[in-house]
């Protein structure tokens, strides 16, 4: 989660103190009894004695080496719970939690020494979230796994004043294919055809028991793409949350009061209040093959007329003409015409 705000600093005293790479900020507003986790300063550009501070929550601190006191000689595996306890200790979280209720799945993920040796805490968290079809967030001082398809992630932030919510389409999950990358075995559910989307997951931790749990959670879930440029979320007892509930009435098609689940969250704070911006991307965000393929570079996804393929090729599609492929060469630029 990102937090940004401005500080007027005519004497440059605060700017110097913010220079430390370990400098942390815990927002506190007694008037609103605001609750917040800890944020770490990422950048602090200054203009006319105004310092614009950009911070990120504790998830920005997980790219550190994993370590454990676990005795691999007596116990050949570690449970996910044991691994998460060590990660919380290393990264400063008070504990861990997850959404999904009874359809958890973490109990089916156990680590060997080879699974964790030489890896960072962030890489291990990525392994877990890939298998669970979820994403890790910092909820206060807790490391929380938001599982795709789950709606049990606590109380949402409320907003009665906001810019128009721009809906960008929706799709329902109609199928699931989970592949064990070590054995090559697939576990398939639902249907591969119809009006909807099939989630595809590839992980070395996939098992039938885990796949059953994931399917119970995602079956029939409706993914909604949307964006809100600005929403006033100033309120007493405000808590920085990954959920937001809007007061509709501007012609949107969703029912009044239905909570929306942003995948991108940005809070900004100034003297007038606390503001949210964010939403859910119109491209799919639920296929989990590797960390790289979930980065903003958009592997395999079209940006305008350009796509970066899985092997690194840059593909340009001529949207103005029809015809066959024009030319192509490996690890370079491929040009195609639109065949539709």
Protein backbone atom coordinates (compact mmCIF):
# COMPACT_ATOMS: atom_id res chain seq x y z
CA UNK A 1 0.00 0.00 0.00
CA UNK A 2 1.22 3.50 -0.84
CA UNK A 3 0.82 6.57 1.35
CA UNK A 4 1.84 10.02 0.18
CA UNK A 5 1.52 13.46 1.75
CA UNK A 6 3.09 16.95 1.73
CA UNK A 7 5.03 18.66 4.54
CA UNK A 8 5.85 22.36 4.59
CA UNK A 9 9.43 22.50 5.85
CA UNK A 10 10.86 26.05 5.60
CA UNK A 11 13.99 25.22 7.59
CA UNK A 12 14.74 21.85 5.91
CA UNK A 13 14.87 20.12 9.30
CA UNK A 14 12.43 17.32 8.42
CA UNK A 15 13.93 16.67 5.00
CA UNK A 16 17.25 15.60 6.52
CA UNK A 17 15.59 13.25 9.01
CA UNK A 18 13.61 11.56 6.21
CA UNK A 19 16.82 10.66 4.39
CA UNK A 20 17.44 7.51 6.44
CA UNK A 21 16.55 4.33 4.46
CA UNK A 22 14.99 2.85 7.61
CA UNK A 23 12.93 5.90 8.49
CA UNK A 24 9.35 4.86 9.20
CA UNK A 25 6.11 6.75 9.65
CA UNK A 26 3.02 5.68 11.57
CA UNK A 27 0.19 8.09 10.64
CA UNK A 28 -1.70 9.31 13.68
CA UNK A 29 -4.71 11.64 13.75
CA UNK A 30 -6.16 11.99 17.29
CA UNK A 31 -9.14 13.98 16.01
CA UNK A 32 -10.26 11.08 13.83
CA UNK A 33 -8.78 8.31 16.00
CA UNK A 34 -7.10 7.04 12.85
CA UNK A 35 -5.64 3.54 12.92
CA UNK A 36 -2.68 2.76 10.72
CA UNK A 37 0.21 0.44 10.21
CA UNK A 38 3.81 1.48 9.66
CA UNK A 39 4.97 3.02 6.38
CA UNK A 40 8.53 3.41 5.10
CA UNK A 41 9.76 6.42 3.17
CA UNK A 42 10.54 5.67 -0.48
CA UNK A 43 11.03 9.15 -1.95
CA UNK A 44 10.85 12.76 -0.76
CA UNK A 45 11.12 15.30 -3.62
CA UNK A 46 11.16 18.94 -2.49
CA UNK A 47 9.78 22.02 -4.26
CA UNK A 48 9.52 25.49 -2.72
CA UNK A 49 10.09 24.11 0.79
CA UNK A 50 7.28 21.58 0.37
CA UNK A 51 8.43 18.00 0.79
CA UNK A 52 6.26 15.44 -0.99
CA UNK A 53 6.72 12.18 0.93
CA UNK A 54 5.92 8.84 -0.73
CA UNK A 55 5.80 5.81 1.56
CA UNK A 56 5.00 2.13 1.24
CA UNK A 57 3.79 -0.27 3.91
CA UNK A 58 5.73 -3.15 5.44
CA UNK A 59 5.30 -5.31 2.33
CA UNK A 60 8.08 -3.19 0.83
CA UNK A 61 10.48 -4.72 3.40
CA UNK A 62 10.09 -8.42 2.56
CA UNK A 63 12.96 -8.65 0.04
CA UNK A 64 15.40 -9.81 2.72
CA UNK A 65 17.06 -13.18 3.20
CA UNK A 66 14.96 -15.89 4.85
CA UNK A 67 16.42 -17.65 7.88
CA UNK A 68 15.10 -20.20 10.34
CA UNK A 69 16.16 -22.13 13.42
CA UNK A 70 14.27 -25.17 12.14
CA UNK A 71 16.23 -28.43 12.47
CA UNK A 72 16.12 -30.04 9.04
CA UNK A 73 17.89 -33.15 10.37
CA UNK A 74 15.01 -34.07 12.67
CA UNK A 75 12.14 -32.61 10.65
CA UNK A 76 12.40 -32.83 6.86
CA UNK A 77 9.62 -30.33 6.20
CA UNK A 78 8.24 -27.08 7.58
CA UNK A 79 4.57 -26.22 7.52
CA UNK A 80 3.45 -22.96 5.94
CA UNK A 81 2.51 -21.72 9.39
CA UNK A 82 6.05 -22.29 10.65
CA UNK A 83 7.55 -20.55 7.61
CA UNK A 84 5.20 -17.58 8.02
CA UNK A 85 6.14 -17.23 11.70
CA UNK A 86 9.79 -16.87 10.67
CA UNK A 87 8.93 -14.38 7.93
CA UNK A 88 6.90 -12.27 10.38
CA UNK A 89 9.83 -12.30 12.81
CA UNK A 90 12.31 -11.23 10.14
CA UNK A 91 10.14 -8.55 8.52
CA UNK A 92 8.58 -7.08 11.65
CA UNK A 93 4.99 -8.28 11.31
CA UNK A 94 3.11 -9.11 14.49
CA UNK A 95 1.51 -12.16 12.91
CA UNK A 96 -0.15 -13.54 9.76
CA UNK A 97 -3.71 -14.17 8.64
CA UNK A 98 -5.63 -15.07 5.51
CA UNK A 99 -9.04 -14.83 3.91
CA UNK A 100 -10.94 -17.80 2.60
CA UNK A 101 -12.45 -19.19 5.78
CA UNK A 102 -12.76 -22.97 5.81
CA UNK A 103 -11.40 -23.16 2.26
CA UNK A 104 -7.91 -22.30 3.44
CA UNK A 105 -5.42 -24.56 1.71
CA UNK A 106 -2.25 -23.50 3.54
CA UNK A 107 -2.30 -26.81 5.40
CA UNK A 108 -1.48 -28.54 2.11
CA UNK A 109 1.69 -26.51 1.48
CA UNK A 110 4.81 -27.80 3.23
CA UNK A 111 8.39 -26.70 2.56
CA UNK A 112 11.59 -28.69 2.32
CA UNK A 113 15.00 -27.16 2.93
CA UNK A 114 15.56 -26.88 -0.83
CA UNK A 115 12.36 -24.84 -1.14
CA UNK A 116 13.62 -22.05 1.11
CA UNK A 117 17.42 -22.08 1.07
CA UNK A 118 18.90 -19.03 -0.63
CA UNK A 119 15.51 -17.36 -1.05
CA UNK A 120 14.19 -14.06 0.26
CA UNK A 121 11.08 -13.75 2.38
CA UNK A 122 9.38 -12.09 -0.57
CA UNK A 123 10.18 -14.99 -2.89
CA UNK A 124 8.73 -17.48 -0.41
CA UNK A 125 5.61 -15.37 0.02
CA UNK A 126 5.30 -15.31 -3.76
CA UNK A 127 5.47 -19.12 -3.84
CA UNK A 128 2.63 -19.36 -1.31
CA UNK A 129 0.43 -16.74 -2.97
CA UNK A 130 0.91 -18.40 -6.37
CA UNK A 131 -0.31 -21.76 -5.09
CA UNK A 132 -3.15 -20.13 -3.14
CA UNK A 133 -4.21 -17.78 -5.98
CA UNK A 134 -3.90 -14.73 -3.78
CA UNK A 135 -1.83 -11.70 -2.91
CA UNK A 136 -0.11 -10.63 0.30
CA UNK A 137 -0.93 -7.27 1.88
CA UNK A 138 0.03 -5.49 5.08
CA UNK A 139 -3.08 -5.11 7.21
CA UNK A 140 -2.05 -2.87 10.08
CA UNK A 141 0.86 -4.81 11.57
CA UNK A 142 -0.39 -8.15 10.22
CA UNK A 143 0.80 -10.03 7.14
CA UNK A 144 -2.47 -10.91 5.41
CA UNK A 145 -3.13 -13.18 2.43
CA UNK A 146 -6.06 -11.97 0.33
CA UNK A 147 -7.29 -15.04 -1.54
CA UNK A 148 -8.90 -14.48 -4.93
CA UNK A 149 -12.64 -15.13 -4.75
CA UNK A 150 -12.89 -14.50 -1.03
CA UNK A 151 -14.91 -11.63 0.42
CA UNK A 152 -13.92 -12.07 4.06
CA UNK A 153 -11.24 -9.41 4.42
CA UNK A 154 -12.60 -7.22 7.17
CA UNK A 155 -14.52 -3.96 7.23
CA UNK A 156 -14.23 -1.81 4.10
CA UNK A 157 -13.37 1.88 4.00
CA UNK A 158 -16.52 3.98 3.50
CA UNK A 159 -16.86 6.80 0.97
CA UNK A 160 -19.93 8.95 0.30
CA UNK A 161 -18.15 11.52 -1.89
CA UNK A 162 -16.17 10.29 -4.86
CA UNK A 163 -15.62 10.80 -8.55
CA UNK A 164 -17.64 8.69 -10.95
CA UNK A 165 -16.74 5.01 -10.76
CA UNK A 166 -15.67 3.86 -14.20
CA UNK A 167 -16.65 0.25 -14.80
CA UNK A 168 -14.55 -1.55 -17.40
CA UNK A 169 -16.28 -4.89 -17.73
CA UNK A 170 -16.76 -8.02 -15.67
CA UNK A 171 -16.28 -11.74 -16.06
CA UNK A 172 -17.32 -14.81 -14.10
CA UNK A 173 -14.95 -17.64 -13.19
CA UNK A 174 -16.23 -20.81 -14.88
CA UNK A 175 -13.23 -23.09 -14.63
CA UNK A 176 -9.91 -23.82 -12.94
CA UNK A 177 -6.81 -25.67 -14.15
CA UNK A 178 -4.04 -26.18 -11.60
CA UNK A 179 -0.81 -27.81 -12.78
CA UNK A 180 1.93 -29.23 -10.60
CA UNK A 181 5.08 -27.87 -12.25
CA UNK A 182 7.19 -30.68 -10.78
CA UNK A 183 5.07 -33.68 -11.83
CA UNK A 184 3.19 -32.17 -14.74
CA UNK A 185 -0.13 -33.40 -13.32
CA UNK A 186 -3.21 -31.25 -13.99
CA UNK A 187 -6.33 -30.85 -11.85
CA UNK A 188 -9.25 -29.40 -13.82
CA UNK A 189 -12.62 -28.11 -12.65
CA UNK A 190 -15.67 -26.53 -14.25
CA UNK A 191 -15.69 -25.96 -17.98
CA UNK A 192 -13.19 -24.64 -20.50
CA UNK A 193 -15.90 -23.15 -22.72
CA UNK A 194 -18.73 -20.72 -22.16
CA UNK A 195 -19.19 -17.11 -21.16
CA UNK A 196 -16.54 -16.68 -18.50
CA UNK A 197 -12.90 -17.21 -17.62
CA UNK A 198 -10.78 -20.22 -16.68
CA UNK A 199 -8.11 -19.62 -14.05
CA UNK A 200 -4.77 -21.29 -14.80
CA UNK A 201 -2.27 -21.91 -11.99
CA UNK A 202 1.16 -23.53 -12.15
CA UNK A 203 3.09 -24.36 -8.97
CA UNK A 204 5.23 -27.10 -7.53
CA UNK A 205 2.90 -27.23 -4.51
CA UNK A 206 -0.27 -28.05 -6.41
CA UNK A 207 -2.12 -31.14 -5.15
CA UNK A 208 -5.65 -32.46 -5.51
CA UNK A 209 -6.50 -31.36 -1.98
CA UNK A 210 -5.22 -27.82 -2.58
CA UNK A 211 -6.95 -27.59 -5.96
CA UNK A 212 -10.25 -28.70 -4.39
CA UNK A 213 -9.97 -25.90 -1.81
CA UNK A 214 -9.17 -23.25 -4.41
CA UNK A 215 -12.06 -24.32 -6.65
CA UNK A 216 -14.57 -24.09 -3.78
CA UNK A 217 -13.44 -20.51 -3.28
CA UNK A 218 -13.30 -19.23 -6.87
CA UNK A 219 -16.19 -21.13 -8.45
CA UNK A 220 -18.66 -18.65 -9.87
CA UNK A 221 -16.78 -15.62 -8.55
CA UNK A 222 -17.41 -12.46 -10.59
CA UNK A 223 -14.39 -10.30 -11.31
CA UNK A 224 -15.23 -6.62 -11.89
CA UNK A 225 -12.82 -4.16 -13.51
CA UNK A 226 -13.27 -0.60 -12.28
CA UNK A 227 -11.44 2.61 -11.42
CA UNK A 228 -12.07 5.58 -9.14
CA UNK A 229 -9.82 8.60 -9.54
CA UNK A 230 -10.58 10.08 -6.11
CA UNK A 231 -12.75 9.26 -3.12
CA UNK A 232 -12.98 11.05 0.21
CA UNK A 233 -12.59 8.40 2.91
CA UNK A 234 -12.06 10.78 5.86
CA UNK A 235 -13.83 9.31 8.88
CA UNK A 236 -13.50 8.80 12.60
CA UNK A 237 -11.78 5.52 13.47
CA UNK A 238 -10.43 5.39 9.91
CA UNK A 239 -8.34 2.31 9.20
CA UNK A 240 -6.24 1.88 6.04
CA UNK A 241 -7.95 -1.03 4.32
CA UNK A 242 -7.74 -2.95 1.06
CA UNK A 243 -11.54 -2.81 0.65
CA UNK A 244 -13.72 0.16 -0.13
CA UNK A 245 -17.48 0.65 -0.07
CA UNK A 246 -18.94 3.49 -2.13
CA UNK A 247 -22.23 5.29 -1.83
CA UNK A 248 -23.53 4.91 -5.38
CA UNK A 249 -26.24 6.90 -7.10
CA UNK A 250 -24.35 8.25 -10.10
CA UNK A 251 -25.86 5.87 -12.60
CA UNK A 252 -23.61 2.88 -11.83
CA UNK A 253 -25.13 -0.52 -12.44
CA UNK A 254 -24.02 -2.15 -9.19
CA UNK A 255 -26.36 -2.27 -6.24
CA UNK A 256 -26.14 0.50 -3.65
CA UNK A 257 -23.64 -0.33 -0.97
CA UNK A 258 -21.98 -3.31 -2.68
CA UNK A 259 -18.31 -3.26 -1.65
CA UNK A 260 -15.68 -3.12 -4.37
CA UNK A 261 -12.36 -4.90 -4.09
CA UNK A 262 -9.45 -2.83 -5.45
CA UNK A 263 -6.28 -4.51 -6.66
CA UNK A 264 -4.55 -1.11 -6.79
CA UNK A 265 -4.85 1.07 -3.69
CA UNK A 266 -3.49 4.58 -3.16
CA UNK A 267 -4.21 6.74 -0.12
CA UNK A 268 -3.20 10.38 0.07
CA UNK A 269 -3.46 12.63 3.11
CA UNK A 270 -3.53 16.42 3.38
CA UNK A 271 -5.01 19.07 5.65
CA UNK A 272 -8.47 18.54 4.18
CA UNK A 273 -8.72 14.79 4.74
CA UNK A 274 -7.82 11.29 3.59
CA UNK A 275 -8.35 10.27 -0.02
CA UNK A 276 -8.40 7.00 -1.96
CA UNK A 277 -7.69 6.27 -5.62
CA UNK A 278 -7.44 2.91 -7.30
CA UNK A 279 -9.43 0.03 -8.73
CA UNK A 280 -9.12 -3.26 -10.61
CA UNK A 281 -7.37 -3.63 -13.95
CA UNK A 282 -9.36 -4.55 -17.05
CA UNK A 283 -6.79 -7.26 -17.87
CA UNK A 284 -6.77 -10.58 -16.04
CA UNK A 285 -5.05 -10.60 -12.66
CA UNK A 286 -5.62 -14.18 -11.60
CA UNK A 287 -3.28 -16.37 -13.67
CA UNK A 288 -0.27 -17.21 -11.51
CA UNK A 289 2.78 -18.69 -13.23
CA UNK A 290 5.66 -16.59 -11.95
CA UNK A 291 6.33 -13.29 -10.25
CA UNK A 292 7.65 -11.78 -13.49
CA UNK A 293 4.42 -12.47 -15.32
CA UNK A 294 2.49 -10.52 -12.68
CA UNK A 295 4.69 -7.44 -12.91
CA UNK A 296 3.54 -4.26 -14.63
CA UNK A 297 5.60 -5.13 -17.72
CA UNK A 298 2.57 -7.19 -18.77
CA UNK A 299 4.15 -10.32 -20.22
CA UNK A 300 1.79 -11.79 -22.81
CA UNK A 301 -0.64 -8.86 -22.58
CA UNK A 302 -1.32 -6.31 -25.28
CA UNK A 303 -0.60 -2.65 -24.64
CA UNK A 304 -2.21 -0.88 -27.57
CA UNK A 305 -0.83 -2.75 -30.57
CA UNK A 306 2.25 -4.14 -28.79
CA UNK A 307 2.70 -7.38 -26.81
CA UNK A 308 5.74 -8.80 -25.02
CA UNK A 309 5.72 -12.59 -25.37
CA UNK A 310 6.81 -15.10 -22.73
CA UNK A 311 10.17 -15.64 -24.45
CA UNK A 312 10.93 -11.94 -24.63
CA UNK A 313 9.83 -11.21 -28.20
CA UNK A 314 8.20 -7.84 -28.83
CA UNK A 315 5.17 -8.34 -31.07
CA UNK A 316 3.53 -5.49 -32.97
CA UNK A 317 0.08 -6.02 -34.47
CA UNK A 318 -0.93 -3.89 -37.43
CA UNK A 319 -4.52 -3.00 -36.56
CA UNK A 320 -5.22 -1.26 -39.85
CA UNK A 321 -4.73 -4.04 -42.40
CA UNK A 322 -5.59 -7.69 -42.84
CA UNK A 323 -3.25 -10.37 -44.05
CA UNK A 324 -0.65 -12.92 -43.04
CA UNK A 325 2.34 -12.53 -40.74
CA UNK A 326 4.80 -10.01 -42.19
CA UNK A 327 8.05 -11.04 -40.54
CA UNK A 328 9.46 -12.49 -37.33
CA UNK A 329 12.77 -13.29 -35.69
CA UNK A 330 13.70 -14.69 -32.28
CA UNK A 331 14.32 -12.41 -29.31
CA UNK A 332 13.55 -9.36 -31.38
CA UNK A 333 10.57 -7.60 -32.87
CA UNK A 334 7.79 -9.52 -34.60
CA UNK A 335 5.20 -7.77 -36.73
CA UNK A 336 1.77 -9.23 -37.45
CA UNK A 337 -1.34 -7.96 -39.15
CA UNK A 338 -4.73 -8.24 -37.56
CA UNK A 339 -6.48 -11.38 -38.82
CA UNK A 340 -9.87 -10.50 -37.35
